[in-house]
Amino acid sequence: MKKVKIKYIVDIITLISFLITAITGLAMKFFMLSGVRQGRFQEFLGIQKDVWSQWHDIFGIIMTIAVIAHIIFYWDVFVCMTKNFFKVSNSENCEIKKGDE
């Protein structure tokens, strides 16, 4: 598989896991308040708080792994952009390689 396709898959996994983590976090924060007598037996959309919490944790871990993979794949870009950001006015610009296929 080409490196570009792998990067795309990692980016999609990061996006999906972020969205699920955000949705579950918002649902728990605003629709299943802490300190309510029902505790973990609270429900939103027919799903108990414990299940929302498990999904939130699982997809948070997946997102963390995907972000680490993303940083590894784009490390050259990060280094080059940092060099360009802090460059001395007379020095050359760092160029990012195109076509990592």
N, C-alpha and C. Protein backbone atom coordinates (compact mmCIF):
# COMPACT_ATOMS: atom_id res chain seq x y z
N MET A 1 0.85 -1.18 0.00
CA MET A 1 0.00 0.00 0.00
C MET A 1 0.90 1.24 0.00
N LYS A 2 0.50 2.23 -0.76
CA LYS A 2 1.30 3.45 -0.85
C LYS A 2 1.22 4.23 0.46
N LYS A 3 2.30 4.95 0.73
CA LYS A 3 2.37 5.72 1.98
C LYS A 3 1.26 6.76 2.07
N VAL A 4 0.87 7.33 0.92
CA VAL A 4 -0.18 8.34 0.91
C VAL A 4 -1.52 7.73 1.37
N LYS A 5 -1.80 6.50 0.95
CA LYS A 5 -3.04 5.83 1.36
C LYS A 5 -3.03 5.53 2.86
N ILE A 6 -1.88 5.12 3.37
CA ILE A 6 -1.77 4.84 4.80
C ILE A 6 -2.00 6.11 5.60
N LYS A 7 -1.39 7.23 5.15
CA LYS A 7 -1.60 8.52 5.83
C LYS A 7 -3.07 8.90 5.81
N TYR A 8 -3.73 8.68 4.68
CA TYR A 8 -5.16 9.00 4.57
C TYR A 8 -5.99 8.17 5.56
N ILE A 9 -5.70 6.89 5.64
CA ILE A 9 -6.43 6.01 6.56
C ILE A 9 -6.21 6.45 8.01
N VAL A 10 -4.97 6.78 8.36
CA VAL A 10 -4.67 7.25 9.72
C VAL A 10 -5.45 8.54 10.01
N ASP A 11 -5.49 9.44 9.04
CA ASP A 11 -6.22 10.70 9.23
C ASP A 11 -7.72 10.47 9.40
N ILE A 12 -8.29 9.54 8.63
CA ILE A 12 -9.73 9.22 8.75
C ILE A 12 -10.01 8.59 10.11
N ILE A 13 -9.15 7.68 10.55
CA ILE A 13 -9.33 7.06 11.87
C ILE A 13 -9.25 8.12 12.96
N THR A 14 -8.32 9.06 12.83
CA THR A 14 -8.20 10.15 13.80
C THR A 14 -9.46 10.99 13.84
N LEU A 15 -9.98 11.35 12.68
CA LEU A 15 -11.19 12.16 12.60
C LEU A 15 -12.40 11.44 13.21
N ILE A 16 -12.61 10.19 12.83
CA ILE A 16 -13.77 9.44 13.34
C ILE A 16 -13.67 9.25 14.85
N SER A 17 -12.49 8.88 15.33
CA SER A 17 -12.34 8.67 16.78
C SER A 17 -12.51 9.98 17.53
N PHE A 18 -12.04 11.10 16.95
CA PHE A 18 -12.24 12.40 17.59
C PHE A 18 -13.74 12.72 17.68
N LEU A 19 -14.46 12.53 16.59
CA LEU A 19 -15.89 12.84 16.60
C LEU A 19 -16.65 12.00 17.62
N ILE A 20 -16.36 10.71 17.68
CA ILE A 20 -17.05 9.84 18.64
C ILE A 20 -16.67 10.23 20.07
N THR A 21 -15.40 10.51 20.31
CA THR A 21 -14.97 10.93 21.65
C THR A 21 -15.65 12.24 22.04
N ALA A 22 -15.74 13.18 21.11
CA ALA A 22 -16.38 14.48 21.40
C ALA A 22 -17.87 14.30 21.67
N ILE A 23 -18.55 13.51 20.85
CA ILE A 23 -20.00 13.31 21.03
C ILE A 23 -20.29 12.61 22.35
N THR A 24 -19.54 11.56 22.67
CA THR A 24 -19.78 10.86 23.93
C THR A 24 -19.45 11.75 25.12
N GLY A 25 -18.38 12.54 25.01
CA GLY A 25 -18.02 13.44 26.10
C GLY A 25 -19.09 14.50 26.33
N LEU A 26 -19.60 15.09 25.24
CA LEU A 26 -20.66 16.09 25.37
C LEU A 26 -21.94 15.49 25.92
N ALA A 27 -22.27 14.27 25.48
CA ALA A 27 -23.48 13.61 25.98
C ALA A 27 -23.37 13.37 27.48
N MET A 28 -22.21 12.92 27.93
CA MET A 28 -22.05 12.67 29.36
C MET A 28 -22.04 13.97 30.16
N LYS A 29 -21.46 15.00 29.59
CA LYS A 29 -21.35 16.27 30.32
C LYS A 29 -22.70 16.98 30.45
N PHE A 30 -23.47 17.02 29.37
CA PHE A 30 -24.67 17.84 29.37
C PHE A 30 -25.98 17.08 29.57
N PHE A 31 -25.99 15.79 29.33
CA PHE A 31 -27.24 15.05 29.44
C PHE A 31 -27.25 14.01 30.56
N MET A 32 -26.10 13.73 31.14
CA MET A 32 -26.01 12.77 32.26
C MET A 32 -25.13 13.40 33.33
N LEU A 33 -25.70 14.30 34.06
CA LEU A 33 -24.94 15.09 35.02
C LEU A 33 -24.42 14.24 36.17
N SER A 34 -23.24 14.59 36.65
CA SER A 34 -22.68 13.88 37.79
C SER A 34 -23.38 14.35 39.06
N GLY A 35 -23.35 13.53 40.06
CA GLY A 35 -23.97 13.89 41.32
C GLY A 35 -25.46 13.58 41.37
N VAL A 36 -26.00 13.05 40.28
CA VAL A 36 -27.40 12.67 40.26
C VAL A 36 -27.52 11.31 40.94
N ARG A 37 -28.59 11.10 41.67
CA ARG A 37 -28.74 9.88 42.48
C ARG A 37 -28.63 8.59 41.66
N GLN A 38 -29.00 8.61 40.39
CA GLN A 38 -28.96 7.39 39.60
C GLN A 38 -27.53 6.95 39.29
N GLY A 39 -26.57 7.85 39.35
CA GLY A 39 -25.18 7.51 39.11
C GLY A 39 -24.95 6.92 37.74
N ARG A 40 -24.31 5.76 37.70
CA ARG A 40 -23.98 5.14 36.40
C ARG A 40 -25.20 4.60 35.68
N PHE A 41 -26.35 4.54 36.34
CA PHE A 41 -27.54 4.01 35.71
C PHE A 41 -28.33 5.08 34.95
N GLN A 42 -27.79 6.27 34.84
CA GLN A 42 -28.42 7.31 34.04
C GLN A 42 -28.43 6.86 32.58
N GLU A 43 -29.44 7.31 31.84
CA GLU A 43 -29.53 6.94 30.43
C GLU A 43 -29.71 8.18 29.57
N PHE A 44 -29.19 8.08 28.36
CA PHE A 44 -29.42 9.09 27.32
C PHE A 44 -29.54 8.31 26.01
N LEU A 45 -30.61 8.54 25.29
CA LEU A 45 -30.92 7.81 24.05
C LEU A 45 -30.98 6.31 24.29
N GLY A 46 -31.40 5.91 25.48
CA GLY A 46 -31.55 4.50 25.81
C GLY A 46 -30.25 3.79 26.13
N ILE A 47 -29.18 4.53 26.25
CA ILE A 47 -27.87 3.93 26.54
C ILE A 47 -27.41 4.43 27.91
N GLN A 48 -26.97 3.49 28.76
CA GLN A 48 -26.56 3.85 30.11
C GLN A 48 -25.23 4.60 30.09
N LYS A 49 -25.03 5.40 31.14
CA LYS A 49 -23.83 6.23 31.26
C LYS A 49 -22.56 5.39 31.24
N ASP A 50 -22.60 4.22 31.81
CA ASP A 50 -21.44 3.34 31.83
C ASP A 50 -21.00 2.98 30.41
N VAL A 51 -21.95 2.72 29.54
CA VAL A 51 -21.63 2.38 28.15
C VAL A 51 -21.08 3.60 27.41
N TRP A 52 -21.70 4.78 27.64
CA TRP A 52 -21.17 6.02 27.05
C TRP A 52 -19.73 6.22 27.48
N SER A 53 -19.43 5.98 28.75
CA SER A 53 -18.10 6.16 29.29
C SER A 53 -17.10 5.18 28.66
N GLN A 54 -17.52 3.93 28.48
CA GLN A 54 -16.65 2.93 27.87
C GLN A 54 -16.31 3.31 26.43
N TRP A 55 -17.31 3.73 25.66
CA TRP A 55 -17.07 4.14 24.28
C TRP A 55 -16.15 5.36 24.23
N HIS A 56 -16.38 6.29 25.14
CA HIS A 56 -15.55 7.49 25.22
C HIS A 56 -14.08 7.11 25.48
N ASP A 57 -13.86 6.21 26.40
CA ASP A 57 -12.50 5.79 26.73
C ASP A 57 -11.84 5.03 25.58
N ILE A 58 -12.57 4.10 24.97
CA ILE A 58 -12.01 3.29 23.88
C ILE A 58 -11.61 4.17 22.70
N PHE A 59 -12.51 5.06 22.29
CA PHE A 59 -12.20 5.89 21.13
C PHE A 59 -11.18 6.98 21.47
N GLY A 60 -11.09 7.36 22.73
CA GLY A 60 -10.02 8.28 23.15
C GLY A 60 -8.66 7.63 23.01
N ILE A 61 -8.56 6.36 23.37
CA ILE A 61 -7.30 5.62 23.22
C ILE A 61 -6.96 5.45 21.74
N ILE A 62 -7.96 5.08 20.92
CA ILE A 62 -7.74 4.94 19.48
C ILE A 62 -7.26 6.27 18.89
N MET A 63 -7.88 7.37 19.31
CA MET A 63 -7.49 8.68 18.80
C MET A 63 -6.05 9.01 19.19
N THR A 64 -5.67 8.69 20.42
CA THR A 64 -4.30 8.95 20.88
C THR A 64 -3.29 8.19 20.03
N ILE A 65 -3.56 6.93 19.76
CA ILE A 65 -2.66 6.11 18.94
C ILE A 65 -2.59 6.66 17.52
N ALA A 66 -3.75 7.06 16.97
CA ALA A 66 -3.78 7.60 15.61
C ALA A 66 -3.03 8.93 15.52
N VAL A 67 -3.14 9.76 16.55
CA VAL A 67 -2.42 11.04 16.54
C VAL A 67 -0.91 10.80 16.60
N ILE A 68 -0.49 9.84 17.40
CA ILE A 68 0.94 9.50 17.46
C ILE A 68 1.42 9.01 16.09
N ALA A 69 0.63 8.16 15.42
CA ALA A 69 0.99 7.69 14.08
C ALA A 69 1.04 8.86 13.10
N HIS A 70 0.10 9.79 13.22
CA HIS A 70 0.07 10.98 12.36
C HIS A 70 1.35 11.80 12.54
N ILE A 71 1.75 12.01 13.77
CA ILE A 71 2.96 12.78 14.05
C ILE A 71 4.19 12.07 13.48
N ILE A 72 4.24 10.76 13.59
CA ILE A 72 5.36 10.00 13.03
C ILE A 72 5.40 10.16 11.52
N PHE A 73 4.26 10.02 10.84
CA PHE A 73 4.21 10.14 9.39
C PHE A 73 4.60 11.53 8.90
N TYR A 74 4.23 12.55 9.65
CA TYR A 74 4.46 13.92 9.22
C TYR A 74 5.61 14.58 9.98
N TRP A 75 6.50 13.80 10.57
CA TRP A 75 7.59 14.34 11.36
C TRP A 75 8.47 15.29 10.53
N ASP A 76 8.78 14.90 9.29
CA ASP A 76 9.61 15.76 8.42
C ASP A 76 8.95 17.12 8.20
N VAL A 77 7.64 17.13 8.05
CA VAL A 77 6.91 18.38 7.86
C VAL A 77 7.01 19.24 9.10
N PHE A 78 6.83 18.64 10.28
CA PHE A 78 6.94 19.38 11.54
C PHE A 78 8.33 20.00 11.69
N VAL A 79 9.36 19.21 11.42
CA VAL A 79 10.73 19.69 11.56
C VAL A 79 11.00 20.83 10.58
N CYS A 80 10.59 20.64 9.33
CA CYS A 80 10.82 21.65 8.31
C CYS A 80 10.07 22.95 8.63
N MET A 81 8.83 22.85 9.02
CA MET A 81 8.04 24.04 9.35
C MET A 81 8.64 24.77 10.56
N THR A 82 9.14 24.01 11.53
CA THR A 82 9.76 24.62 12.71
C THR A 82 11.04 25.35 12.32
N LYS A 83 11.84 24.72 11.45
CA LYS A 83 13.06 25.39 10.98
C LYS A 83 12.71 26.67 10.24
N ASN A 84 11.69 26.63 9.38
CA ASN A 84 11.28 27.82 8.63
C ASN A 84 10.74 28.90 9.56
N PHE A 85 10.06 28.51 10.60
CA PHE A 85 9.48 29.47 11.53
C PHE A 85 10.55 30.23 12.30
N PHE A 86 11.60 29.50 12.71
CA PHE A 86 12.65 30.11 13.52
C PHE A 86 13.90 30.44 12.72
N LYS A 87 13.80 30.50 11.41
CA LYS A 87 14.99 30.70 10.57
C LYS A 87 15.56 32.11 10.73
N VAL A 88 16.84 32.20 10.46
CA VAL A 88 17.51 33.49 10.39
C VAL A 88 17.23 34.04 9.00
N SER A 89 17.10 35.33 8.86
CA SER A 89 16.66 35.93 7.60
C SER A 89 17.54 35.58 6.41
N ASN A 90 18.82 35.28 6.59
CA ASN A 90 19.72 34.98 5.47
C ASN A 90 19.74 33.50 5.10
N SER A 91 19.26 32.64 5.95
CA SER A 91 19.36 31.21 5.69
C SER A 91 18.30 30.74 4.69
N GLU A 92 18.55 29.57 4.12
CA GLU A 92 17.63 29.01 3.14
C GLU A 92 16.40 28.42 3.82
N ASN A 93 15.31 28.37 3.05
CA ASN A 93 14.11 27.71 3.54
C ASN A 93 14.24 26.20 3.42
N CYS A 94 13.71 25.52 4.37
CA CYS A 94 13.63 24.07 4.32
C CYS A 94 12.47 23.73 3.38
N GLU A 95 12.64 22.72 2.53
CA GLU A 95 11.57 22.33 1.61
C GLU A 95 11.01 20.99 2.01
N ILE A 96 9.70 20.90 1.94
CA ILE A 96 9.01 19.66 2.27
C ILE A 96 8.95 18.80 1.01
N LYS A 97 9.35 17.55 1.16
CA LYS A 97 9.33 16.64 0.02
C LYS A 97 7.90 16.35 -0.41
N LYS A 98 7.66 16.38 -1.70
CA LYS A 98 6.34 16.04 -2.22
C LYS A 98 6.38 14.62 -2.76
N GLY A 99 5.20 14.01 -2.77
CA GLY A 99 5.08 12.70 -3.40
C GLY A 99 5.67 11.58 -2.61
N ASP A 100 5.42 11.51 -1.34
CA ASP A 100 5.88 10.40 -0.50
C ASP A 100 5.01 9.19 -0.81
N GLU A 101 5.14 8.67 -1.99
CA GLU A 101 4.23 7.60 -2.44
C GLU A 101 4.87 6.26 -2.36
